[in-house]
Amino acid sequence: MLKVLKVAAAVEAVSVCLLFLNLFTVHWPAVSSALGPTHGTAYLVTIVTALSTAGASTRAKVLSFVPAVGGYLALRNLSVEAR
């Protein structure tokens, strides 16, 4: 499950950065149309994966709901718990 969470967190963070880059520069609707659903799906996968990870604390589960960086926050919390 952690591998899925790592990939989803990376896709979520990169896609939101690209969405903001598009917004503040050229603002092409096609880019927003492609990246918006990609970001939304990665966000939902991050949340579902964090919620279904065995042994995840409540804190890690709640952190996964933070937009754009929630996956990384949850991963960081899970790695601290594993120590």
Protein backbone atom coordinates (compact mmCIF):
# COMPACT_ATOMS: atom_id res chain seq x y z
CA MET A 1 0.00 0.00 0.00
CA LEU A 2 2.84 2.42 0.66
CA LYS A 3 4.03 2.19 -2.93
CA VAL A 4 0.56 3.18 -4.16
CA LEU A 5 0.53 6.05 -1.67
CA LYS A 6 3.96 7.24 -2.84
CA VAL A 7 2.91 7.26 -6.49
CA ALA A 8 -0.44 8.93 -5.77
CA ALA A 9 1.23 11.58 -3.60
CA ALA A 10 3.74 12.35 -6.35
CA VAL A 11 1.06 12.59 -9.04
CA GLU A 12 -1.08 14.78 -6.79
CA ALA A 13 1.76 17.21 -6.03
CA VAL A 14 3.07 17.41 -9.60
CA SER A 15 -0.39 17.83 -11.10
CA VAL A 16 -1.33 20.69 -8.76
CA CYS A 17 1.97 22.43 -9.53
CA LEU A 18 1.29 22.10 -13.25
CA LEU A 19 -2.27 23.36 -12.77
CA PHE A 20 -1.00 26.47 -10.98
CA LEU A 21 1.72 26.98 -13.58
CA ASN A 22 -0.91 26.85 -16.31
CA LEU A 23 -3.19 29.20 -14.37
CA PHE A 24 -0.51 31.83 -13.80
CA THR A 25 0.97 31.71 -17.31
CA VAL A 26 -0.87 30.71 -20.47
CA HIS A 27 -4.14 29.45 -18.92
CA TRP A 28 -4.94 26.94 -21.65
CA PRO A 29 -8.33 25.32 -21.00
CA ALA A 30 -7.19 22.01 -22.54
CA VAL A 31 -4.40 21.70 -19.98
CA SER A 32 -6.83 22.38 -17.14
CA SER A 33 -9.28 19.87 -18.59
CA ALA A 34 -6.61 17.18 -18.65
CA LEU A 35 -4.84 17.92 -15.39
CA GLY A 36 -7.90 18.71 -13.27
CA PRO A 37 -9.33 15.18 -13.30
CA THR A 38 -5.83 13.72 -12.98
CA HIS A 39 -5.23 15.75 -9.85
CA GLY A 40 -8.66 14.93 -8.45
CA THR A 41 -8.18 11.22 -9.00
CA ALA A 42 -4.73 11.26 -7.40
CA TYR A 43 -6.16 13.18 -4.43
CA LEU A 44 -8.91 10.61 -3.94
CA VAL A 45 -6.51 7.68 -4.34
CA THR A 46 -4.25 9.26 -1.72
CA ILE A 47 -7.10 9.56 0.75
CA VAL A 48 -8.49 6.06 0.15
CA THR A 49 -5.04 4.49 0.35
CA ALA A 50 -4.18 6.27 3.58
CA LEU A 51 -7.52 5.32 5.11
CA SER A 52 -7.10 1.66 4.15
CA THR A 53 -3.45 1.30 5.23
CA ALA A 54 -3.23 -1.17 8.07
CA GLY A 55 -1.82 0.32 11.23
CA ALA A 56 -2.10 3.93 10.07
CA SER A 57 -2.74 6.36 12.89
CA THR A 58 -5.66 8.74 12.95
CA ARG A 59 -3.20 11.57 12.38
CA ALA A 60 -1.87 10.01 9.16
CA LYS A 61 -5.41 9.46 7.94
CA VAL A 62 -6.43 13.05 8.65
CA LEU A 63 -3.26 14.45 7.07
CA SER A 64 -4.12 12.70 3.81
CA PHE A 65 -7.06 15.10 3.41
CA VAL A 66 -4.75 18.13 3.04
CA PRO A 67 -4.90 19.18 -0.62
CA ALA A 68 -1.74 19.02 -2.76
CA VAL A 69 0.65 17.73 -0.05
CA GLY A 70 -1.55 15.43 2.04
CA GLY A 71 -0.05 12.29 0.57
CA TYR A 72 3.46 13.36 1.48
CA LEU A 73 2.37 14.38 4.97
CA ALA A 74 0.68 11.03 5.49
CA LEU A 75 3.75 9.17 4.19
CA ARG A 76 6.00 11.14 6.49
CA ASN A 77 3.76 10.35 9.44
CA LEU A 78 3.64 6.66 8.52
CA SER A 79 7.43 6.47 8.25
CA VAL A 80 7.80 8.09 11.69
CA GLU A 81 5.34 5.57 13.13
CA ALA A 82 7.32 2.67 11.64
CA ARG A 83 10.49 3.63 13.53
